Amino acid sequence: MSRERNRPRWRGLRLLGLVSLLYLGLALAGSPGAGHALHKMLTILATLLPILAVVVFIAGAINYFLDPKVLAKHLGEESGWRGWMIALGAGVLSHGPMYAWYPVIEELRRHGMRDGLVAAFFYARAIKVPLLPMMAAYFGLDFTILLTGLTLVAAWGQGVMLDALGTGDQ
């Protein structure tokens, strides 16, 4: 492997090391905010670790159980309406922070998922299933159905436009 291909892998570790050294320097200098910042960072890390563990598990399961040929059939160039239904349905049903889905979607793209389906997935995440009953109670069932339907149509439209633009790193 060339040196250029190894470089991005270590970029995050270098940043972590640099920030750690800066915090250590601030703590040794007696900065009153260093302890508070360290506590806040550990709190955020404790919140993110379970999410990251689930993401790593899902990405590993995708690699282990999904055959790239089958995945390309359902989410690739020839996926047709089934790919759109999978992307939109998965987007609506997905929960948690969006950034937690980035590694999973990256893995799916590596196996052939189209960029338009990625866009449709992320756009469809705007529909929050647990909040739909509350929305219907406040705004009415007709409005809720109309807005949800238009959101799905817009998600599909955005995906179609992205596919038409031919983006990606093929």
Protein backbone atom coordinates (compact mmCIF):
# COMPACT_ATOMS: atom_id res chain seq x y z
CA MET A 1 0.00 0.00 0.00
CA SER A 2 1.22 3.43 -0.84
CA ARG A 3 1.90 6.08 1.75
CA GLU A 4 -0.97 8.23 0.43
CA ARG A 5 -3.55 5.50 1.07
CA ASN A 6 -2.39 5.04 4.69
CA ARG A 7 -2.45 8.75 5.54
CA PRO A 8 -6.25 9.27 6.12
CA ARG A 9 -6.35 6.30 8.49
CA TRP A 10 -4.03 8.03 10.98
CA ARG A 11 -5.43 11.55 10.66
CA GLY A 12 -8.03 11.03 13.41
CA LEU A 13 -5.50 9.50 15.79
CA ARG A 14 -3.14 12.42 15.27
CA LEU A 15 -5.93 14.86 16.04
CA LEU A 16 -6.87 12.89 19.15
CA GLY A 17 -3.25 12.90 20.29
CA LEU A 18 -2.86 16.63 19.69
CA VAL A 19 -6.07 17.50 21.54
CA SER A 20 -5.10 15.17 24.40
CA LEU A 21 -1.72 16.88 24.70
CA LEU A 22 -3.38 20.30 24.70
CA TYR A 23 -5.77 19.26 27.49
CA LEU A 24 -2.90 17.74 29.46
CA GLY A 25 -0.92 20.97 29.06
CA LEU A 26 -3.89 23.03 30.24
CA ALA A 27 -4.44 20.74 33.22
CA LEU A 28 -0.75 20.91 34.22
CA ALA A 29 -0.83 24.70 33.88
CA GLY A 30 -3.67 24.77 36.39
CA SER A 31 -6.42 25.96 34.07
CA PRO A 32 -9.75 25.83 35.94
CA GLY A 33 -11.70 24.97 32.76
CA ALA A 34 -9.60 21.93 31.90
CA GLY A 35 -11.26 19.71 34.51
CA HIS A 36 -14.73 20.80 33.46
CA ALA A 37 -13.90 20.22 29.78
CA LEU A 38 -12.50 16.77 30.56
CA HIS A 39 -15.63 15.86 32.52
CA LYS A 40 -17.87 17.07 29.68
CA MET A 41 -15.84 15.13 27.12
CA LEU A 42 -16.08 11.93 29.17
CA THR A 43 -19.85 12.41 29.53
CA ILE A 44 -20.24 12.80 25.77
CA LEU A 45 -17.99 9.79 25.15
CA ALA A 46 -20.05 7.67 27.54
CA THR A 47 -23.18 8.69 25.61
CA LEU A 48 -21.68 7.93 22.20
CA LEU A 49 -19.96 4.62 22.94
CA PRO A 50 -23.16 2.52 23.01
CA ILE A 51 -24.33 4.14 19.76
CA LEU A 52 -20.97 3.49 18.12
CA ALA A 53 -21.01 -0.12 19.35
CA VAL A 54 -24.38 -0.67 17.68
CA VAL A 55 -23.13 0.95 14.46
CA VAL A 56 -20.02 -1.24 14.42
CA PHE A 57 -22.19 -4.31 15.05
CA ILE A 58 -24.58 -3.40 12.21
CA ALA A 59 -21.71 -2.69 9.80
CA GLY A 60 -20.09 -6.01 10.76
CA ALA A 61 -23.38 -7.86 10.27
CA ILE A 62 -23.79 -6.25 6.85
CA ASN A 63 -20.30 -7.39 5.87
CA TYR A 64 -20.81 -10.89 7.22
CA PHE A 65 -24.37 -11.70 6.18
CA LEU A 66 -25.00 -9.70 3.02
CA ASP A 67 -23.66 -10.93 -0.26
CA PRO A 68 -22.54 -7.91 -2.32
CA LYS A 69 -24.30 -9.35 -5.40
CA VAL A 70 -27.61 -9.60 -3.54
CA LEU A 71 -27.17 -6.13 -2.09
CA ALA A 72 -26.37 -4.68 -5.51
CA LYS A 73 -29.53 -6.34 -6.82
CA HIS A 74 -31.70 -4.67 -4.16
CA LEU A 75 -29.92 -1.31 -3.81
CA GLY A 76 -27.70 -1.06 -6.88
CA GLU A 77 -28.10 0.35 -10.37
CA GLU A 78 -30.78 -2.17 -11.38
CA SER A 79 -32.77 -2.08 -8.12
CA GLY A 80 -35.81 -0.33 -9.56
CA TRP A 81 -38.84 0.43 -7.39
CA ARG A 82 -37.78 -2.15 -4.77
CA GLY A 83 -34.63 -0.14 -4.00
CA TRP A 84 -36.68 3.03 -3.55
CA MET A 85 -39.12 1.26 -1.21
CA ILE A 86 -36.27 -0.19 0.87
CA ALA A 87 -34.46 3.17 1.11
CA LEU A 88 -37.61 5.15 1.97
CA GLY A 89 -38.89 2.54 4.44
CA ALA A 90 -35.52 2.19 6.15
CA GLY A 91 -35.24 5.98 6.37
CA VAL A 92 -38.63 6.30 8.02
CA LEU A 93 -37.94 3.45 10.47
CA SER A 94 -34.38 4.49 11.35
CA HIS A 95 -33.86 6.18 14.70
CA GLY A 96 -31.01 7.80 16.55
CA PRO A 97 -28.61 10.50 15.49
CA MET A 98 -27.95 10.83 11.77
CA TYR A 99 -24.16 10.67 12.16
CA ALA A 100 -24.49 7.20 13.64
CA TRP A 101 -25.83 5.99 10.29
CA TYR A 102 -22.91 7.35 8.24
CA PRO A 103 -20.64 4.29 8.67
CA VAL A 104 -23.49 1.90 7.89
CA ILE A 105 -24.46 3.79 4.74
CA GLU A 106 -20.79 4.03 3.74
CA GLU A 107 -20.56 0.25 4.00
CA LEU A 108 -23.71 -0.16 1.91
CA ARG A 109 -22.33 2.24 -0.72
CA ARG A 110 -19.12 0.23 -0.81
CA HIS A 111 -21.26 -2.78 -1.74
CA GLY A 112 -23.08 -0.92 -4.51
CA MET A 113 -25.86 1.23 -3.02
CA ARG A 114 -26.76 4.10 -5.35
CA ASP A 115 -26.28 7.68 -4.21
CA GLY A 116 -29.91 8.50 -4.99
CA LEU A 117 -31.04 5.83 -2.54
CA VAL A 118 -28.69 7.26 0.09
CA ALA A 119 -30.25 10.70 -0.37
CA ALA A 120 -33.77 9.23 -0.20
CA PHE A 121 -32.87 7.36 3.00
CA PHE A 122 -31.58 10.48 4.73
CA TYR A 123 -34.45 12.67 3.52
CA ALA A 124 -37.05 10.10 4.68
CA ARG A 125 -35.55 10.27 8.17
CA ALA A 126 -37.48 13.53 8.55
CA ILE A 127 -40.57 11.40 9.21
CA LYS A 128 -40.55 10.40 12.88
CA VAL A 129 -42.95 7.50 13.42
CA PRO A 130 -43.25 7.97 17.21
CA LEU A 131 -44.28 11.60 16.68
CA LEU A 132 -46.94 10.96 14.04
CA PRO A 133 -49.78 10.42 16.57
CA MET A 134 -48.95 13.70 18.29
CA MET A 135 -48.79 15.47 14.94
CA ALA A 136 -52.20 14.06 14.03
CA ALA A 137 -53.60 15.19 17.39
CA TYR A 138 -52.32 18.76 16.93
CA PHE A 139 -52.80 19.28 13.20
CA GLY A 140 -55.33 16.64 12.17
CA LEU A 141 -55.07 13.33 10.37
CA ASP A 142 -55.48 14.81 6.89
CA PHE A 143 -52.58 17.23 7.34
CA THR A 144 -50.39 14.47 8.84
CA ILE A 145 -51.06 12.10 5.95
CA LEU A 146 -50.52 14.83 3.36
CA LEU A 147 -47.28 16.08 4.90
CA THR A 148 -45.92 12.55 5.35
CA GLY A 149 -46.80 11.66 1.76
CA LEU A 150 -45.24 14.84 0.40
CA THR A 151 -42.10 14.21 2.44
CA LEU A 152 -41.79 10.73 0.93
CA VAL A 153 -42.36 12.11 -2.58
CA ALA A 154 -39.73 14.81 -1.95
CA ALA A 155 -37.29 12.18 -0.62
CA TRP A 156 -37.82 10.12 -3.76
CA GLY A 157 -37.50 13.21 -5.97
CA GLN A 158 -34.27 14.28 -4.35
CA GLY A 159 -32.86 10.79 -4.86
CA VAL A 160 -33.91 10.76 -8.51
CA MET A 161 -32.26 14.16 -9.05
CA LEU A 162 -29.05 12.99 -7.39
CA ASP A 163 -29.00 9.88 -9.58
CA ALA A 164 -29.60 12.05 -12.65
CA LEU A 165 -26.66 14.28 -11.74
CA GLY A 166 -24.44 11.21 -11.72
CA THR A 167 -22.64 12.07 -8.50
CA GLY A 168 -20.43 9.67 -6.68
CA ASP A 169 -16.88 8.42 -6.74
CA GLN A 170 -17.21 5.59 -9.26
